[in-house]
Amino acid sequence: MKIRTYEELKEFKAAIDECTSSVWLMGPGEEYYNMKNEEDYINAVIRLAETDADQLGIFTTSRHDERVMMPICEKLAA
């Protein structure tokens, strides 16, 4: 999963904002970011722009949020 353009970033942020519960970006080991926290979100976006971002994944705590995030995650994984 990797953010390549500003449009993708806007879509990603809009999806996170639509979620009603916690959304986490998690990577290998102890790496995790709470996407609802502004500081964590900024660090996560920086991380998503890096070359090894394919090691990262989004995790949600509700089925509604999973349905919201799935389309953008599939797009960013392509």
N, C-alpha and C. Protein backbone atom coordinates (compact mmCIF):
# COMPACT_ATOMS: atom_id res chain seq x y z
N MET A 1 0.84 -1.17 0.00
CA MET A 1 0.00 0.00 0.00
C MET A 1 0.89 1.23 0.00
N LYS A 2 0.63 2.13 -0.96
CA LYS A 2 1.48 3.30 -1.07
C LYS A 2 0.68 4.48 -1.64
N ILE A 3 0.86 5.66 -1.05
CA ILE A 3 0.25 6.88 -1.57
C ILE A 3 1.21 7.49 -2.58
N ARG A 4 0.71 7.70 -3.81
CA ARG A 4 1.56 8.22 -4.88
C ARG A 4 1.21 9.64 -5.29
N THR A 5 -0.05 10.05 -5.12
CA THR A 5 -0.48 11.37 -5.59
C THR A 5 -1.27 12.10 -4.51
N TYR A 6 -1.43 13.40 -4.71
CA TYR A 6 -2.22 14.21 -3.79
C TYR A 6 -3.69 13.77 -3.80
N GLU A 7 -4.19 13.38 -4.96
CA GLU A 7 -5.57 12.90 -5.06
C GLU A 7 -5.78 11.65 -4.21
N GLU A 8 -4.82 10.74 -4.26
CA GLU A 8 -4.90 9.53 -3.42
C GLU A 8 -4.88 9.90 -1.95
N LEU A 9 -4.07 10.87 -1.59
CA LEU A 9 -4.00 11.33 -0.20
C LEU A 9 -5.34 11.90 0.25
N LYS A 10 -5.98 12.70 -0.60
CA LYS A 10 -7.29 13.26 -0.26
C LYS A 10 -8.34 12.17 -0.09
N GLU A 11 -8.34 11.18 -0.99
CA GLU A 11 -9.29 10.07 -0.89
C GLU A 11 -9.06 9.27 0.39
N PHE A 12 -7.81 9.03 0.71
CA PHE A 12 -7.44 8.28 1.91
C PHE A 12 -7.92 9.01 3.16
N LYS A 13 -7.68 10.31 3.24
CA LYS A 13 -8.09 11.12 4.39
C LYS A 13 -9.62 11.16 4.50
N ALA A 14 -10.31 11.30 3.38
CA ALA A 14 -11.77 11.32 3.39
C ALA A 14 -12.34 10.01 3.93
N ALA A 15 -11.74 8.90 3.54
CA ALA A 15 -12.19 7.59 4.02
C ALA A 15 -11.96 7.48 5.53
N ILE A 16 -10.81 7.91 6.00
CA ILE A 16 -10.53 7.86 7.44
C ILE A 16 -11.54 8.73 8.20
N ASP A 17 -11.81 9.91 7.68
CA ASP A 17 -12.77 10.81 8.34
C ASP A 17 -14.17 10.23 8.38
N GLU A 18 -14.52 9.39 7.40
CA GLU A 18 -15.84 8.75 7.37
C GLU A 18 -15.97 7.62 8.39
N CYS A 19 -14.86 7.08 8.82
CA CYS A 19 -14.87 5.98 9.79
C CYS A 19 -15.34 6.48 11.16
N THR A 20 -16.08 5.63 11.85
CA THR A 20 -16.65 6.00 13.14
C THR A 20 -15.82 5.51 14.33
N SER A 21 -14.94 4.56 14.10
CA SER A 21 -14.12 3.99 15.18
C SER A 21 -12.65 4.13 14.83
N SER A 22 -11.81 3.50 15.61
CA SER A 22 -10.36 3.57 15.40
C SER A 22 -9.96 2.95 14.08
N VAL A 23 -8.96 3.58 13.45
CA VAL A 23 -8.35 3.07 12.23
C VAL A 23 -6.85 3.08 12.48
N TRP A 24 -6.20 1.95 12.23
CA TRP A 24 -4.77 1.83 12.51
C TRP A 24 -4.01 1.48 11.24
N LEU A 25 -2.87 2.12 11.05
CA LEU A 25 -1.91 1.71 10.03
C LEU A 25 -0.83 0.95 10.78
N MET A 26 -0.61 -0.30 10.37
CA MET A 26 0.35 -1.14 11.09
C MET A 26 1.37 -1.70 10.12
N GLY A 27 2.57 -1.85 10.64
CA GLY A 27 3.67 -2.39 9.85
C GLY A 27 4.36 -3.50 10.59
N PRO A 28 5.52 -3.88 10.10
CA PRO A 28 6.26 -4.97 10.73
C PRO A 28 6.70 -4.61 12.15
N GLY A 29 6.74 -5.62 12.98
CA GLY A 29 7.20 -5.39 14.35
C GLY A 29 6.22 -4.56 15.16
N GLU A 30 6.74 -3.58 15.85
CA GLU A 30 5.95 -2.74 16.75
C GLU A 30 5.45 -1.46 16.09
N GLU A 31 5.51 -1.36 14.78
CA GLU A 31 5.14 -0.14 14.07
C GLU A 31 3.62 -0.03 13.94
N TYR A 32 3.04 1.05 14.49
CA TYR A 32 1.60 1.28 14.35
C TYR A 32 1.30 2.76 14.49
N TYR A 33 0.24 3.20 13.81
CA TYR A 33 -0.17 4.60 13.82
C TYR A 33 -1.69 4.66 13.97
N ASN A 34 -2.17 5.47 14.91
CA ASN A 34 -3.59 5.71 15.08
C ASN A 34 -3.98 6.79 14.08
N MET A 35 -4.72 6.43 13.06
CA MET A 35 -5.02 7.37 11.98
C MET A 35 -6.01 8.46 12.39
N LYS A 36 -6.62 8.33 13.55
CA LYS A 36 -7.53 9.37 14.05
C LYS A 36 -6.78 10.41 14.89
N ASN A 37 -5.51 10.17 15.16
CA ASN A 37 -4.66 11.10 15.91
C ASN A 37 -3.84 11.91 14.90
N GLU A 38 -3.90 13.25 15.00
CA GLU A 38 -3.27 14.10 13.98
C GLU A 38 -1.77 13.85 13.82
N GLU A 39 -1.05 13.75 14.92
CA GLU A 39 0.40 13.53 14.84
C GLU A 39 0.71 12.16 14.23
N ASP A 40 0.00 11.13 14.68
CA ASP A 40 0.19 9.79 14.11
C ASP A 40 -0.16 9.78 12.62
N TYR A 41 -1.25 10.49 12.26
CA TYR A 41 -1.67 10.55 10.86
C TYR A 41 -0.56 11.13 9.97
N ILE A 42 0.04 12.23 10.42
CA ILE A 42 1.12 12.86 9.64
C ILE A 42 2.29 11.89 9.47
N ASN A 43 2.69 11.25 10.55
CA ASN A 43 3.79 10.28 10.47
C ASN A 43 3.44 9.10 9.57
N ALA A 44 2.19 8.67 9.62
CA ALA A 44 1.75 7.55 8.79
C ALA A 44 1.76 7.92 7.31
N VAL A 45 1.34 9.13 6.98
CA VAL A 45 1.34 9.57 5.59
C VAL A 45 2.77 9.61 5.06
N ILE A 46 3.68 10.11 5.87
CA ILE A 46 5.10 10.10 5.47
C ILE A 46 5.55 8.67 5.22
N ARG A 47 5.15 7.78 6.10
CA ARG A 47 5.53 6.36 5.98
C ARG A 47 4.92 5.74 4.72
N LEU A 48 3.68 6.13 4.39
CA LEU A 48 3.00 5.58 3.21
C LEU A 48 3.62 6.06 1.90
N ALA A 49 4.41 7.11 1.95
CA ALA A 49 5.06 7.62 0.74
C ALA A 49 6.42 6.96 0.51
N GLU A 50 6.90 6.19 1.46
CA GLU A 50 8.22 5.56 1.35
C GLU A 50 8.18 4.33 0.43
N THR A 51 9.34 3.93 -0.03
CA THR A 51 9.42 2.85 -1.01
C THR A 51 9.02 1.48 -0.46
N ASP A 52 9.19 1.25 0.83
CA ASP A 52 8.82 -0.06 1.39
C ASP A 52 7.45 -0.05 2.05
N ALA A 53 6.58 0.85 1.62
CA ALA A 53 5.25 0.99 2.22
C ALA A 53 4.36 -0.22 1.97
N ASP A 54 4.75 -1.11 1.07
CA ASP A 54 3.94 -2.30 0.81
C ASP A 54 3.89 -3.25 2.00
N GLN A 55 4.69 -3.00 3.01
CA GLN A 55 4.69 -3.81 4.23
C GLN A 55 3.62 -3.34 5.23
N LEU A 56 2.91 -2.28 4.90
CA LEU A 56 1.94 -1.68 5.82
C LEU A 56 0.53 -2.14 5.51
N GLY A 57 -0.33 -2.15 6.53
CA GLY A 57 -1.72 -2.52 6.34
C GLY A 57 -2.63 -1.69 7.23
N ILE A 58 -3.88 -1.55 6.80
CA ILE A 58 -4.89 -0.81 7.57
C ILE A 58 -5.74 -1.80 8.34
N PHE A 59 -6.01 -1.47 9.59
CA PHE A 59 -6.87 -2.30 10.44
C PHE A 59 -7.93 -1.41 11.06
N THR A 60 -9.16 -1.90 11.09
CA THR A 60 -10.28 -1.15 11.66
C THR A 60 -10.89 -1.97 12.80
N THR A 61 -11.76 -1.32 13.55
CA THR A 61 -12.40 -2.00 14.68
C THR A 61 -13.89 -2.21 14.47
N SER A 62 -14.39 -1.88 13.28
CA SER A 62 -15.81 -2.13 13.00
C SER A 62 -16.00 -2.53 11.54
N ARG A 63 -17.06 -3.26 11.29
CA ARG A 63 -17.36 -3.70 9.92
C ARG A 63 -17.69 -2.50 9.03
N HIS A 64 -18.38 -1.51 9.58
CA HIS A 64 -18.68 -0.30 8.80
C HIS A 64 -17.39 0.34 8.31
N ASP A 65 -16.44 0.52 9.21
CA ASP A 65 -15.17 1.15 8.85
C ASP A 65 -14.38 0.29 7.86
N GLU A 66 -14.50 -1.01 7.98
CA GLU A 66 -13.84 -1.91 7.04
C GLU A 66 -14.39 -1.70 5.63
N ARG A 67 -15.72 -1.56 5.52
CA ARG A 67 -16.34 -1.30 4.22
C ARG A 67 -15.91 0.05 3.66
N VAL A 68 -15.72 1.03 4.52
CA VAL A 68 -15.29 2.36 4.08
C VAL A 68 -13.85 2.33 3.58
N MET A 69 -12.98 1.64 4.29
CA MET A 69 -11.55 1.67 3.98
C MET A 69 -11.15 0.70 2.85
N MET A 70 -11.90 -0.36 2.64
CA MET A 70 -11.50 -1.38 1.67
C MET A 70 -11.25 -0.83 0.27
N PRO A 71 -12.14 -0.02 -0.31
CA PRO A 71 -11.89 0.45 -1.68
C PRO A 71 -10.60 1.27 -1.82
N ILE A 72 -10.33 2.17 -0.90
CA ILE A 72 -9.11 2.98 -1.01
C ILE A 72 -7.88 2.12 -0.75
N CYS A 73 -7.96 1.17 0.14
CA CYS A 73 -6.81 0.29 0.40
C CYS A 73 -6.50 -0.56 -0.83
N GLU A 74 -7.53 -1.06 -1.50
CA GLU A 74 -7.31 -1.83 -2.73
C GLU A 74 -6.67 -0.96 -3.80
N LYS A 75 -7.11 0.29 -3.90
CA LYS A 75 -6.54 1.22 -4.89
C LYS A 75 -5.07 1.50 -4.59
N LEU A 76 -4.74 1.72 -3.32
CA LEU A 76 -3.36 2.04 -2.94
C LEU A 76 -2.45 0.83 -3.04
N ALA A 77 -3.03 -0.36 -3.00
CA ALA A 77 -2.22 -1.58 -3.09
C ALA A 77 -1.89 -1.94 -4.53
N ALA A 78 -2.62 -1.38 -5.47
CA ALA A 78 -2.42 -1.72 -6.89
C ALA A 78 -1.15 -1.12 -7.45
